[in-house]
Amino acid sequence: MLTPLQQRLLNDYQQDFPLSPTPYRDIAEQLGVSEDQVLQAFEQLAGQQMISRIGPVIAPNSIGSSALVAMAVPGADLARVAALVSAYPEVNHNYERENRFNLWFVLIADDENHLNAVIAAIEAQAGYPAMVLPMLADYFINLGFELNLHD
């Protein structure tokens, strides 16, 4: 069950997160609650796995180097490898697809050398090769979702 504050945070701040030195205070002021209440609500959402991260989405290769990566991972090992991949701060997100290449993730690094080092480390730890897919065309997909959280 989500609190009214958690519902507002999920709906209102997917795309309009304040870009300021004090974003949580700004949200609190906008919603008429304390900054501690906002932080606690985000911590609870993370603990419930309703959110995985709070951070910017940056256009590919506009800062540093990025890559879309796919791996073919046996189903029995998918959760382990997905958790390993998610532990890297360079990983923006990962997801399962119904395909032989069933684990997909996006990496962002300072430069191409760092990017390749992270891919190599993931391959070594996972025990499976990675297929790096170059971006041929840039498409924007709005990943904000209006959540119908009303009873």
N, C-alpha and C. Protein backbone atom coordinates (compact mmCIF):
# COMPACT_ATOMS: atom_id res chain seq x y z
N MET A 1 0.83 -1.17 0.00
CA MET A 1 0.00 0.00 0.00
C MET A 1 0.88 1.25 0.00
N LEU A 2 0.57 2.17 -0.84
CA LEU A 2 1.35 3.40 -0.92
C LEU A 2 0.66 4.52 -0.15
N THR A 3 1.47 5.32 0.51
CA THR A 3 0.93 6.49 1.19
C THR A 3 0.61 7.57 0.15
N PRO A 4 -0.23 8.53 0.51
CA PRO A 4 -0.48 9.62 -0.43
C PRO A 4 0.81 10.34 -0.85
N LEU A 5 1.75 10.51 0.07
CA LEU A 5 3.03 11.15 -0.28
C LEU A 5 3.80 10.30 -1.28
N GLN A 6 3.87 9.01 -1.06
CA GLN A 6 4.58 8.13 -2.00
C GLN A 6 3.92 8.18 -3.38
N GLN A 7 2.60 8.21 -3.42
CA GLN A 7 1.89 8.30 -4.69
C GLN A 7 2.27 9.58 -5.43
N ARG A 8 2.29 10.70 -4.72
CA ARG A 8 2.66 11.98 -5.35
C ARG A 8 4.10 11.94 -5.85
N LEU A 9 5.01 11.39 -5.05
CA LEU A 9 6.41 11.32 -5.47
C LEU A 9 6.55 10.48 -6.73
N LEU A 10 5.86 9.35 -6.79
CA LEU A 10 5.95 8.49 -7.97
C LEU A 10 5.36 9.15 -9.21
N ASN A 11 4.25 9.83 -9.05
CA ASN A 11 3.59 10.44 -10.21
C ASN A 11 4.20 11.77 -10.63
N ASP A 12 4.51 12.61 -9.66
CA ASP A 12 4.84 14.00 -9.98
C ASP A 12 6.32 14.24 -10.27
N TYR A 13 7.19 13.31 -9.87
CA TYR A 13 8.63 13.62 -9.97
C TYR A 13 9.41 12.62 -10.81
N GLN A 14 8.73 11.89 -11.68
CA GLN A 14 9.45 11.03 -12.63
C GLN A 14 10.23 11.87 -13.63
N GLN A 15 9.64 12.98 -14.05
CA GLN A 15 10.27 13.80 -15.08
C GLN A 15 10.54 15.22 -14.64
N ASP A 16 9.88 15.66 -13.61
CA ASP A 16 10.04 17.05 -13.19
C ASP A 16 10.78 17.16 -11.86
N PHE A 17 11.79 16.34 -11.71
CA PHE A 17 12.60 16.37 -10.49
C PHE A 17 13.37 17.69 -10.48
N PRO A 18 13.34 18.41 -9.36
CA PRO A 18 14.01 19.72 -9.33
C PRO A 18 15.52 19.62 -9.57
N LEU A 19 16.00 20.47 -10.43
CA LEU A 19 17.44 20.56 -10.69
C LEU A 19 17.98 21.72 -9.88
N SER A 20 18.35 21.42 -8.64
CA SER A 20 18.83 22.45 -7.74
C SER A 20 19.76 21.80 -6.72
N PRO A 21 20.48 22.60 -5.97
CA PRO A 21 21.33 22.04 -4.92
C PRO A 21 20.53 21.38 -3.79
N THR A 22 19.23 21.69 -3.68
CA THR A 22 18.39 21.15 -2.61
C THR A 22 17.08 20.57 -3.17
N PRO A 23 17.17 19.54 -4.02
CA PRO A 23 15.96 19.05 -4.67
C PRO A 23 14.93 18.46 -3.70
N TYR A 24 15.37 17.77 -2.66
CA TYR A 24 14.42 17.15 -1.73
C TYR A 24 13.71 18.22 -0.90
N ARG A 25 14.41 19.27 -0.55
CA ARG A 25 13.78 20.39 0.15
C ARG A 25 12.78 21.08 -0.77
N ASP A 26 13.16 21.24 -2.04
CA ASP A 26 12.24 21.85 -3.00
C ASP A 26 10.96 21.04 -3.14
N ILE A 27 11.09 19.72 -3.23
CA ILE A 27 9.91 18.84 -3.33
C ILE A 27 9.06 18.98 -2.07
N ALA A 28 9.72 18.96 -0.93
CA ALA A 28 8.99 19.09 0.34
C ALA A 28 8.19 20.38 0.37
N GLU A 29 8.79 21.48 -0.04
CA GLU A 29 8.08 22.77 -0.05
C GLU A 29 6.90 22.74 -1.01
N GLN A 30 7.10 22.10 -2.18
CA GLN A 30 6.01 22.02 -3.16
C GLN A 30 4.84 21.19 -2.63
N LEU A 31 5.15 20.17 -1.83
CA LEU A 31 4.11 19.26 -1.34
C LEU A 31 3.61 19.60 0.06
N GLY A 32 4.24 20.57 0.70
CA GLY A 32 3.80 20.96 2.04
C GLY A 32 4.15 19.96 3.12
N VAL A 33 5.29 19.29 2.98
CA VAL A 33 5.77 18.34 3.99
C VAL A 33 7.22 18.68 4.31
N SER A 34 7.82 17.93 5.22
CA SER A 34 9.22 18.19 5.56
C SER A 34 10.15 17.45 4.61
N GLU A 35 11.38 17.94 4.53
CA GLU A 35 12.40 17.27 3.71
C GLU A 35 12.64 15.86 4.22
N ASP A 36 12.64 15.67 5.56
CA ASP A 36 12.82 14.33 6.13
C ASP A 36 11.72 13.37 5.69
N GLN A 37 10.48 13.88 5.59
CA GLN A 37 9.38 13.04 5.14
C GLN A 37 9.57 12.61 3.68
N VAL A 38 10.06 13.51 2.85
CA VAL A 38 10.33 13.18 1.45
C VAL A 38 11.42 12.13 1.36
N LEU A 39 12.51 12.34 2.09
CA LEU A 39 13.62 11.38 2.07
C LEU A 39 13.18 10.01 2.58
N GLN A 40 12.41 10.00 3.65
CA GLN A 40 11.93 8.74 4.22
C GLN A 40 11.00 8.03 3.23
N ALA A 41 10.14 8.78 2.55
CA ALA A 41 9.24 8.17 1.57
C ALA A 41 10.02 7.56 0.41
N PHE A 42 11.04 8.26 -0.08
CA PHE A 42 11.87 7.68 -1.15
C PHE A 42 12.61 6.44 -0.66
N GLU A 43 13.11 6.47 0.58
CA GLU A 43 13.79 5.29 1.13
C GLU A 43 12.84 4.10 1.22
N GLN A 44 11.60 4.35 1.64
CA GLN A 44 10.61 3.28 1.72
C GLN A 44 10.29 2.73 0.33
N LEU A 45 10.15 3.60 -0.65
CA LEU A 45 9.88 3.16 -2.02
C LEU A 45 11.02 2.29 -2.55
N ALA A 46 12.25 2.69 -2.24
CA ALA A 46 13.40 1.88 -2.65
C ALA A 46 13.39 0.54 -1.93
N GLY A 47 13.08 0.56 -0.65
CA GLY A 47 13.03 -0.69 0.13
C GLY A 47 11.95 -1.64 -0.36
N GLN A 48 10.87 -1.09 -0.90
CA GLN A 48 9.79 -1.90 -1.46
C GLN A 48 10.04 -2.25 -2.93
N GLN A 49 11.18 -1.84 -3.44
CA GLN A 49 11.57 -2.05 -4.84
C GLN A 49 10.59 -1.40 -5.82
N MET A 50 9.99 -0.29 -5.39
CA MET A 50 9.13 0.48 -6.27
C MET A 50 9.97 1.41 -7.14
N ILE A 51 11.14 1.81 -6.63
CA ILE A 51 12.11 2.59 -7.40
C ILE A 51 13.47 1.95 -7.20
N SER A 52 14.32 2.09 -8.20
CA SER A 52 15.67 1.51 -8.07
C SER A 52 16.74 2.58 -7.96
N ARG A 53 16.45 3.76 -8.47
CA ARG A 53 17.44 4.83 -8.42
C ARG A 53 16.77 6.17 -8.66
N ILE A 54 17.43 7.21 -8.23
CA ILE A 54 17.03 8.57 -8.54
C ILE A 54 18.24 9.21 -9.20
N GLY A 55 18.09 9.62 -10.43
CA GLY A 55 19.20 10.21 -11.15
C GLY A 55 18.80 10.61 -12.54
N PRO A 56 19.68 11.31 -13.21
CA PRO A 56 19.35 11.80 -14.55
C PRO A 56 19.44 10.70 -15.60
N VAL A 57 18.73 10.92 -16.68
CA VAL A 57 18.88 10.12 -17.89
C VAL A 57 19.54 11.05 -18.89
N ILE A 58 20.73 10.69 -19.32
CA ILE A 58 21.53 11.53 -20.19
C ILE A 58 21.56 10.93 -21.58
N ALA A 59 21.41 11.75 -22.59
CA ALA A 59 21.43 11.28 -23.97
C ALA A 59 22.71 10.49 -24.22
N PRO A 60 22.60 9.35 -24.89
CA PRO A 60 23.77 8.50 -25.13
C PRO A 60 24.92 9.27 -25.78
N ASN A 61 26.11 9.04 -25.25
CA ASN A 61 27.36 9.57 -25.75
C ASN A 61 27.46 11.09 -25.77
N SER A 62 26.55 11.77 -25.07
CA SER A 62 26.69 13.22 -24.97
C SER A 62 27.68 13.59 -23.87
N ILE A 63 27.81 12.74 -22.90
CA ILE A 63 28.82 12.87 -21.85
C ILE A 63 29.46 11.50 -21.71
N GLY A 64 30.75 11.42 -21.88
CA GLY A 64 31.43 10.14 -21.74
C GLY A 64 31.10 9.19 -22.87
N SER A 65 31.02 7.92 -22.53
CA SER A 65 30.77 6.89 -23.51
C SER A 65 29.69 5.95 -22.97
N SER A 66 28.81 5.48 -23.85
CA SER A 66 27.74 4.60 -23.40
C SER A 66 27.56 3.46 -24.39
N ALA A 67 26.89 2.41 -23.91
CA ALA A 67 26.65 1.26 -24.77
C ALA A 67 25.41 0.51 -24.30
N LEU A 68 24.71 -0.08 -25.25
CA LEU A 68 23.67 -1.05 -24.97
C LEU A 68 24.34 -2.42 -25.05
N VAL A 69 24.12 -3.23 -24.04
CA VAL A 69 24.80 -4.52 -23.96
C VAL A 69 23.75 -5.61 -23.75
N ALA A 70 23.95 -6.74 -24.41
CA ALA A 70 23.05 -7.89 -24.25
C ALA A 70 23.88 -9.11 -23.88
N MET A 71 23.29 -9.96 -23.06
CA MET A 71 23.95 -11.21 -22.67
C MET A 71 22.93 -12.35 -22.77
N ALA A 72 23.40 -13.51 -23.15
CA ALA A 72 22.59 -14.72 -23.12
C ALA A 72 22.93 -15.45 -21.83
N VAL A 73 21.98 -15.47 -20.91
CA VAL A 73 22.21 -16.03 -19.58
C VAL A 73 21.18 -17.13 -19.34
N PRO A 74 21.61 -18.31 -18.94
CA PRO A 74 20.63 -19.36 -18.63
C PRO A 74 19.64 -18.86 -17.56
N GLY A 75 18.38 -19.21 -17.71
CA GLY A 75 17.34 -18.74 -16.81
C GLY A 75 17.65 -18.97 -15.34
N ALA A 76 18.25 -20.08 -15.02
CA ALA A 76 18.55 -20.40 -13.63
C ALA A 76 19.58 -19.45 -13.04
N ASP A 77 20.36 -18.79 -13.89
CA ASP A 77 21.42 -17.90 -13.42
C ASP A 77 21.10 -16.42 -13.64
N LEU A 78 19.93 -16.16 -14.19
CA LEU A 78 19.58 -14.79 -14.59
C LEU A 78 19.53 -13.82 -13.40
N ALA A 79 18.92 -14.23 -12.31
CA ALA A 79 18.81 -13.33 -11.15
C ALA A 79 20.19 -12.96 -10.61
N ARG A 80 21.08 -13.92 -10.54
CA ARG A 80 22.44 -13.65 -10.04
C ARG A 80 23.15 -12.66 -10.94
N VAL A 81 23.11 -12.89 -12.24
CA VAL A 81 23.82 -12.03 -13.18
C VAL A 81 23.18 -10.64 -13.22
N ALA A 82 21.86 -10.57 -13.17
CA ALA A 82 21.19 -9.26 -13.17
C ALA A 82 21.58 -8.46 -11.93
N ALA A 83 21.67 -9.12 -10.78
CA ALA A 83 22.08 -8.43 -9.55
C ALA A 83 23.53 -7.97 -9.65
N LEU A 84 24.37 -8.78 -10.23
CA LEU A 84 25.78 -8.42 -10.43
C LEU A 84 25.89 -7.19 -11.32
N VAL A 85 25.15 -7.20 -12.42
CA VAL A 85 25.16 -6.08 -13.37
C VAL A 85 24.64 -4.81 -12.68
N SER A 86 23.55 -4.94 -11.93
CA SER A 86 22.95 -3.78 -11.26
C SER A 86 23.86 -3.16 -10.21
N ALA A 87 24.79 -3.94 -9.70
CA ALA A 87 25.70 -3.43 -8.65
C ALA A 87 26.71 -2.43 -9.20
N TYR A 88 26.90 -2.38 -10.49
CA TYR A 88 27.86 -1.44 -11.08
C TYR A 88 27.22 -0.07 -11.19
N PRO A 89 27.86 0.95 -10.65
CA PRO A 89 27.27 2.30 -10.74
C PRO A 89 27.19 2.81 -12.18
N GLU A 90 27.95 2.23 -13.07
CA GLU A 90 27.93 2.64 -14.48
C GLU A 90 26.68 2.12 -15.21
N VAL A 91 25.97 1.19 -14.60
CA VAL A 91 24.77 0.62 -15.23
C VAL A 91 23.58 1.50 -14.95
N ASN A 92 23.00 2.02 -16.03
CA ASN A 92 21.82 2.87 -15.92
C ASN A 92 20.62 2.03 -15.53
N HIS A 93 20.39 0.94 -16.23
CA HIS A 93 19.29 0.03 -15.93
C HIS A 93 19.55 -1.28 -16.66
N ASN A 94 18.88 -2.34 -16.21
CA ASN A 94 18.92 -3.59 -16.95
C ASN A 94 17.54 -4.21 -16.93
N TYR A 95 17.30 -5.09 -17.87
CA TYR A 95 15.98 -5.69 -17.97
C TYR A 95 16.08 -7.02 -18.70
N GLU A 96 15.09 -7.86 -18.45
CA GLU A 96 15.00 -9.17 -19.08
C GLU A 96 14.17 -9.05 -20.35
N ARG A 97 14.61 -9.76 -21.38
CA ARG A 97 13.84 -9.83 -22.63
C ARG A 97 13.61 -11.29 -22.98
N GLU A 98 12.55 -11.54 -23.68
CA GLU A 98 12.26 -12.90 -24.14
C GLU A 98 13.01 -13.13 -25.45
N ASN A 99 14.21 -13.63 -25.30
CA ASN A 99 15.09 -13.82 -26.44
C ASN A 99 16.24 -14.68 -25.95
N ARG A 100 17.02 -15.24 -26.86
CA ARG A 100 18.24 -15.93 -26.44
C ARG A 100 19.11 -14.96 -25.67
N PHE A 101 19.21 -13.73 -26.15
CA PHE A 101 19.90 -12.67 -25.41
C PHE A 101 18.85 -12.06 -24.47
N ASN A 102 18.80 -12.58 -23.27
CA ASN A 102 17.70 -12.28 -22.37
C ASN A 102 18.00 -11.22 -21.30
N LEU A 103 19.25 -10.79 -21.17
CA LEU A 103 19.59 -9.74 -20.22
C LEU A 103 20.20 -8.58 -20.99
N TRP A 104 19.56 -7.42 -20.88
CA TRP A 104 19.99 -6.23 -21.59
C TRP A 104 20.27 -5.14 -20.57
N PHE A 105 21.30 -4.34 -20.82
CA PHE A 105 21.59 -3.24 -19.91
C PHE A 105 22.30 -2.12 -20.64
N VAL A 106 22.21 -0.93 -20.04
CA VAL A 106 22.84 0.26 -20.58
C VAL A 106 23.94 0.69 -19.63
N LEU A 107 25.13 0.91 -20.19
CA LEU A 107 26.29 1.35 -19.42
C LEU A 107 26.66 2.77 -19.83
N ILE A 108 27.07 3.56 -18.85
CA ILE A 108 27.60 4.89 -19.11
C ILE A 108 28.89 5.03 -18.32
N ALA A 109 29.96 5.44 -18.99
CA ALA A 109 31.26 5.55 -18.34
C ALA A 109 31.95 6.84 -18.77
N ASP A 110 33.03 7.17 -18.06
CA ASP A 110 33.77 8.41 -18.35
C ASP A 110 34.30 8.45 -19.78
N ASP A 111 34.78 7.31 -20.25
CA ASP A 111 35.34 7.23 -21.59
C ASP A 111 35.26 5.79 -22.08
N GLU A 112 35.67 5.56 -23.31
CA GLU A 112 35.55 4.22 -23.91
C GLU A 112 36.41 3.18 -23.19
N ASN A 113 37.59 3.57 -22.71
CA ASN A 113 38.44 2.63 -21.97
C ASN A 113 37.75 2.16 -20.70
N HIS A 114 37.17 3.10 -19.97
CA HIS A 114 36.45 2.74 -18.74
C HIS A 114 35.25 1.85 -19.07
N LEU A 115 34.53 2.20 -20.11
CA LEU A 115 33.38 1.42 -20.55
C LEU A 115 33.79 -0.02 -20.84
N ASN A 116 34.86 -0.19 -21.63
CA ASN A 116 35.32 -1.52 -21.98
C ASN A 116 35.82 -2.30 -20.77
N ALA A 117 36.42 -1.60 -19.81
CA ALA A 117 36.89 -2.26 -18.59
C ALA A 117 35.71 -2.79 -17.77
N VAL A 118 34.62 -2.02 -17.69
CA VAL A 118 33.45 -2.46 -16.95
C VAL A 118 32.81 -3.66 -17.65
N ILE A 119 32.70 -3.61 -18.96
CA ILE A 119 32.14 -4.74 -19.70
C ILE A 119 32.98 -5.99 -19.47
N ALA A 120 34.30 -5.86 -19.53
CA ALA A 120 35.18 -7.00 -19.29
C ALA A 120 35.03 -7.54 -17.87
N ALA A 121 34.89 -6.66 -16.90
CA ALA A 121 34.71 -7.10 -15.51
C ALA A 121 33.39 -7.84 -15.34
N ILE A 122 32.33 -7.34 -15.97
CA ILE A 122 31.02 -8.01 -15.89
C ILE A 122 31.11 -9.38 -16.53
N GLU A 123 31.73 -9.47 -17.70
CA GLU A 123 31.89 -10.76 -18.37
C GLU A 123 32.65 -11.75 -17.47
N ALA A 124 33.72 -11.29 -16.85
CA ALA A 124 34.54 -12.16 -16.01
C ALA A 124 33.75 -12.64 -14.79
N GLN A 125 33.03 -11.73 -14.15
CA GLN A 125 32.26 -12.10 -12.97
C GLN A 125 31.05 -12.96 -13.31
N ALA A 126 30.38 -12.63 -14.42
CA ALA A 126 29.18 -13.35 -14.80
C ALA A 126 29.49 -14.72 -15.38
N GLY A 127 30.59 -14.78 -16.11
CA GLY A 127 30.93 -16.03 -16.77
C GLY A 127 30.28 -16.19 -18.13
N TYR A 128 29.75 -15.11 -18.67
CA TYR A 128 29.09 -15.13 -19.98
C TYR A 128 29.59 -13.96 -20.81
N PRO A 129 29.72 -14.16 -22.12
CA PRO A 129 30.17 -13.04 -22.98
C PRO A 129 29.07 -11.99 -23.16
N ALA A 130 29.50 -10.77 -23.38
CA ALA A 130 28.58 -9.66 -23.62
C ALA A 130 28.62 -9.29 -25.10
N MET A 131 27.47 -8.93 -25.63
CA MET A 131 27.38 -8.43 -27.00
C MET A 131 27.12 -6.92 -26.90
N VAL A 132 28.07 -6.13 -27.35
CA VAL A 132 27.94 -4.67 -27.29
C VAL A 132 27.31 -4.20 -28.59
N LEU A 133 26.23 -3.44 -28.47
CA LEU A 133 25.48 -3.00 -29.63
C LEU A 133 25.66 -1.50 -29.82
N PRO A 134 26.27 -1.10 -30.93
CA PRO A 134 26.48 0.33 -31.17
C PRO A 134 25.16 1.02 -31.52
N MET A 135 25.06 2.28 -31.14
CA MET A 135 23.87 3.06 -31.47
C MET A 135 24.01 3.56 -32.91
N LEU A 136 23.07 3.16 -33.75
CA LEU A 136 23.07 3.59 -35.15
C LEU A 136 22.16 4.79 -35.34
N ALA A 137 21.10 4.87 -34.56
CA ALA A 137 20.16 5.99 -34.63
C ALA A 137 19.68 6.29 -33.22
N ASP A 138 19.40 7.54 -32.94
CA ASP A 138 18.97 7.98 -31.62
C ASP A 138 17.46 8.16 -31.63
N TYR A 139 16.77 7.44 -30.74
CA TYR A 139 15.32 7.55 -30.61
C TYR A 139 15.00 7.95 -29.17
N PHE A 140 14.07 8.84 -29.01
CA PHE A 140 13.64 9.23 -27.68
C PHE A 140 12.34 8.51 -27.33
N ILE A 141 12.35 7.80 -26.23
CA ILE A 141 11.15 7.15 -25.73
C ILE A 141 10.86 7.73 -24.35
N ASN A 142 9.71 8.30 -24.19
CA ASN A 142 9.33 8.87 -22.90
C ASN A 142 9.05 7.72 -21.94
N LEU A 143 9.87 7.59 -20.91
CA LEU A 143 9.71 6.50 -19.96
C LEU A 143 8.96 6.91 -18.71
N GLY A 144 8.30 8.04 -18.74
CA GLY A 144 7.47 8.45 -17.61
C GLY A 144 6.11 7.77 -17.71
N PHE A 145 5.62 7.30 -16.59
CA PHE A 145 4.34 6.60 -16.59
C PHE A 145 3.41 7.27 -15.59
N GLU A 146 2.24 7.66 -16.05
CA GLU A 146 1.21 8.17 -15.14
C GLU A 146 0.60 6.96 -14.45
N LEU A 147 0.75 6.92 -13.16
CA LEU A 147 0.26 5.79 -12.39
C LEU A 147 -1.15 6.08 -11.90
N ASN A 148 -2.08 5.21 -12.23
CA ASN A 148 -3.45 5.34 -11.75
C ASN A 148 -3.50 4.72 -10.36
N LEU A 149 -3.26 5.53 -9.36
CA LEU A 149 -3.15 5.03 -7.99
C LEU A 149 -4.40 5.32 -7.16
N HIS A 150 -5.47 5.71 -7.81
CA HIS A 150 -6.70 6.00 -7.10
C HIS A 150 -7.50 4.73 -6.95
N ASP A 151 -8.19 4.60 -5.83
CA ASP A 151 -9.00 3.38 -5.59
C ASP A 151 -10.08 3.19 -6.59
